[in-house]
Amino acid sequence: MRTEILKYGRIRDLRNDRGLTQKDIARVLHVSQNTYSQYEIGVSRYPLDAVIKLAEFYGVSIDYLVGLTDEPKPYPRKKK
């Protein structure tokens, strides 16, 4: 059974590559900066809705975020 929900380094790298702070991403997820910090260092697990929001925000696939692929490009999304 897989115990690691997200590749935390990827989340941190995506944030840093865009020049964003933990507080910026916490706002996107509607959580406190402390909560986001705990997600990023692996103390707390991300809820699924946060994974979806992060994938949409960064324009990457959920598979990339959770380490199932090294290809960040997402599949074509369903039309809303």
C-alpha atoms as a PDB file:
ATOM      1  CA  MET A   1       0.000   0.000   0.000  1.00  0.00           C
ATOM      2  CA  ARG A   2       1.284   3.428  -0.928  1.00  0.00           C
ATOM      3  CA  THR A   3       1.713   5.637   2.132  1.00  0.00           C
ATOM      4  CA  GLU A   4       2.971   8.794   0.445  1.00  0.00           C
ATOM      5  CA  ILE A   5       0.073  10.761  -1.014  1.00  0.00           C
ATOM      6  CA  LEU A   6       2.063  13.398  -2.889  1.00  0.00           C
ATOM      7  CA  LYS A   7       5.635  13.895  -3.924  1.00  0.00           C
ATOM      8  CA  TYR A   8       6.167  16.826  -1.579  1.00  0.00           C
ATOM      9  CA  GLY A   9       9.303  17.947  -3.368  1.00  0.00           C
ATOM     10  CA  ARG A  10       7.305  18.411  -6.546  1.00  0.00           C
ATOM     11  CA  ILE A  11       4.784  20.627  -4.804  1.00  0.00           C
ATOM     12  CA  ARG A  12       7.539  22.734  -3.297  1.00  0.00           C
ATOM     13  CA  ASP A  13       9.423  22.917  -6.603  1.00  0.00           C
ATOM     14  CA  LEU A  14       6.308  23.942  -8.542  1.00  0.00           C
ATOM     15  CA  ARG A  15       5.642  26.685  -5.999  1.00  0.00           C
ATOM     16  CA  ASN A  16       9.251  27.905  -5.953  1.00  0.00           C
ATOM     17  CA  ASP A  17       9.592  27.798  -9.753  1.00  0.00           C
ATOM     18  CA  ARG A  18       6.695  30.251  -9.961  1.00  0.00           C
ATOM     19  CA  GLY A  19       8.044  32.522  -7.253  1.00  0.00           C
ATOM     20  CA  LEU A  20       5.102  31.878  -4.957  1.00  0.00           C
ATOM     21  CA  THR A  21       5.038  31.686  -1.181  1.00  0.00           C
ATOM     22  CA  GLN A  22       3.349  29.086   0.963  1.00  0.00           C
ATOM     23  CA  LYS A  23       0.873  31.789   1.911  1.00  0.00           C
ATOM     24  CA  ASP A  24      -0.008  32.322  -1.776  1.00  0.00           C
ATOM     25  CA  ILE A  25      -0.815  28.642  -2.264  1.00  0.00           C
ATOM     26  CA  ALA A  26      -2.625  28.455   1.067  1.00  0.00           C
ATOM     27  CA  ARG A  27      -4.973  31.160  -0.264  1.00  0.00           C
ATOM     28  CA  VAL A  28      -5.634  29.110  -3.409  1.00  0.00           C
ATOM     29  CA  LEU A  29      -6.511  26.097  -1.257  1.00  0.00           C
ATOM     30  CA  HIS A  30      -8.459  28.157   1.311  1.00  0.00           C
ATOM     31  CA  VAL A  31      -6.318  26.898   4.200  1.00  0.00           C
ATOM     32  CA  SER A  32      -3.936  28.586   6.606  1.00  0.00           C
ATOM     33  CA  GLN A  33      -0.265  28.966   5.739  1.00  0.00           C
ATOM     34  CA  ASN A  34       0.543  26.632   8.616  1.00  0.00           C
ATOM     35  CA  THR A  35      -1.754  23.945   7.226  1.00  0.00           C
ATOM     36  CA  TYR A  36      -0.208  24.273   3.775  1.00  0.00           C
ATOM     37  CA  SER A  37       3.271  24.100   5.294  1.00  0.00           C
ATOM     38  CA  GLN A  38       2.308  20.826   6.968  1.00  0.00           C
ATOM     39  CA  TYR A  39       1.088  19.493   3.609  1.00  0.00           C
ATOM     40  CA  GLU A  40       4.324  20.497   1.899  1.00  0.00           C
ATOM     41  CA  ILE A  41       6.634  18.891   4.445  1.00  0.00           C
ATOM     42  CA  GLY A  42       4.500  15.769   4.669  1.00  0.00           C
ATOM     43  CA  VAL A  43       3.205  16.129   8.219  1.00  0.00           C
ATOM     44  CA  SER A  44      -0.425  16.240   7.032  1.00  0.00           C
ATOM     45  CA  ARG A  45      -1.937  14.565   4.000  1.00  0.00           C
ATOM     46  CA  TYR A  46      -3.609  16.621   1.315  1.00  0.00           C
ATOM     47  CA  PRO A  47      -7.321  16.043   0.847  1.00  0.00           C
ATOM     48  CA  LEU A  48      -8.335  15.032  -2.665  1.00  0.00           C
ATOM     49  CA  ASP A  49      -9.953  18.400  -3.386  1.00  0.00           C
ATOM     50  CA  ALA A  50      -6.601  20.094  -2.655  1.00  0.00           C
ATOM     51  CA  VAL A  51      -4.809  17.747  -5.064  1.00  0.00           C
ATOM     52  CA  ILE A  52      -7.338  18.621  -7.766  1.00  0.00           C
ATOM     53  CA  LYS A  53      -6.998  22.363  -7.109  1.00  0.00           C
ATOM     54  CA  LEU A  54      -3.206  22.147  -7.206  1.00  0.00           C
ATOM     55  CA  ALA A  55      -3.235  20.183 -10.472  1.00  0.00           C
ATOM     56  CA  GLU A  56      -5.552  22.754 -12.058  1.00  0.00           C
ATOM     57  CA  PHE A  57      -3.624  25.703 -10.606  1.00  0.00           C
ATOM     58  CA  TYR A  58      -0.229  24.475 -11.809  1.00  0.00           C
ATOM     59  CA  GLY A  59      -1.526  22.966 -15.057  1.00  0.00           C
ATOM     60  CA  VAL A  60      -0.130  19.521 -14.297  1.00  0.00           C
ATOM     61  CA  SER A  61      -1.667  16.094 -13.968  1.00  0.00           C
ATOM     62  CA  ILE A  62      -2.669  14.552 -10.683  1.00  0.00           C
ATOM     63  CA  ASP A  63      -0.545  11.564 -11.714  1.00  0.00           C
ATOM     64  CA  TYR A  64       2.455  13.892 -11.757  1.00  0.00           C
ATOM     65  CA  LEU A  65       1.642  15.302  -8.325  1.00  0.00           C
ATOM     66  CA  VAL A  66       1.322  11.857  -6.759  1.00  0.00           C
ATOM     67  CA  GLY A  67       4.414  10.461  -8.467  1.00  0.00           C
ATOM     68  CA  LEU A  68       2.780   8.031 -10.900  1.00  0.00           C
ATOM     69  CA  THR A  69       4.502   9.732 -13.835  1.00  0.00           C
ATOM     70  CA  ASP A  70       7.357  12.107 -14.459  1.00  0.00           C
ATOM     71  CA  GLU A  71       5.384  13.772 -17.256  1.00  0.00           C
ATOM     72  CA  PRO A  72       3.752  16.929 -15.869  1.00  0.00           C
ATOM     73  CA  LYS A  73       1.485  17.547 -18.883  1.00  0.00           C
ATOM     74  CA  PRO A  74      -2.117  16.720 -17.973  1.00  0.00           C
ATOM     75  CA  TYR A  75      -4.542  14.724 -20.068  1.00  0.00           C
ATOM     76  CA  PRO A  76      -7.107  16.830 -21.923  1.00  0.00           C
ATOM     77  CA  ARG A  77      -9.680  17.955 -19.366  1.00  0.00           C
ATOM     78  CA  LYS A  78     -13.416  17.410 -19.635  1.00  0.00           C
ATOM     79  CA  LYS A  79     -15.347  20.386 -20.916  1.00  0.00           C
ATOM     80  CA  LYS A  80     -17.478  21.964 -18.224  1.00  0.00           C
END
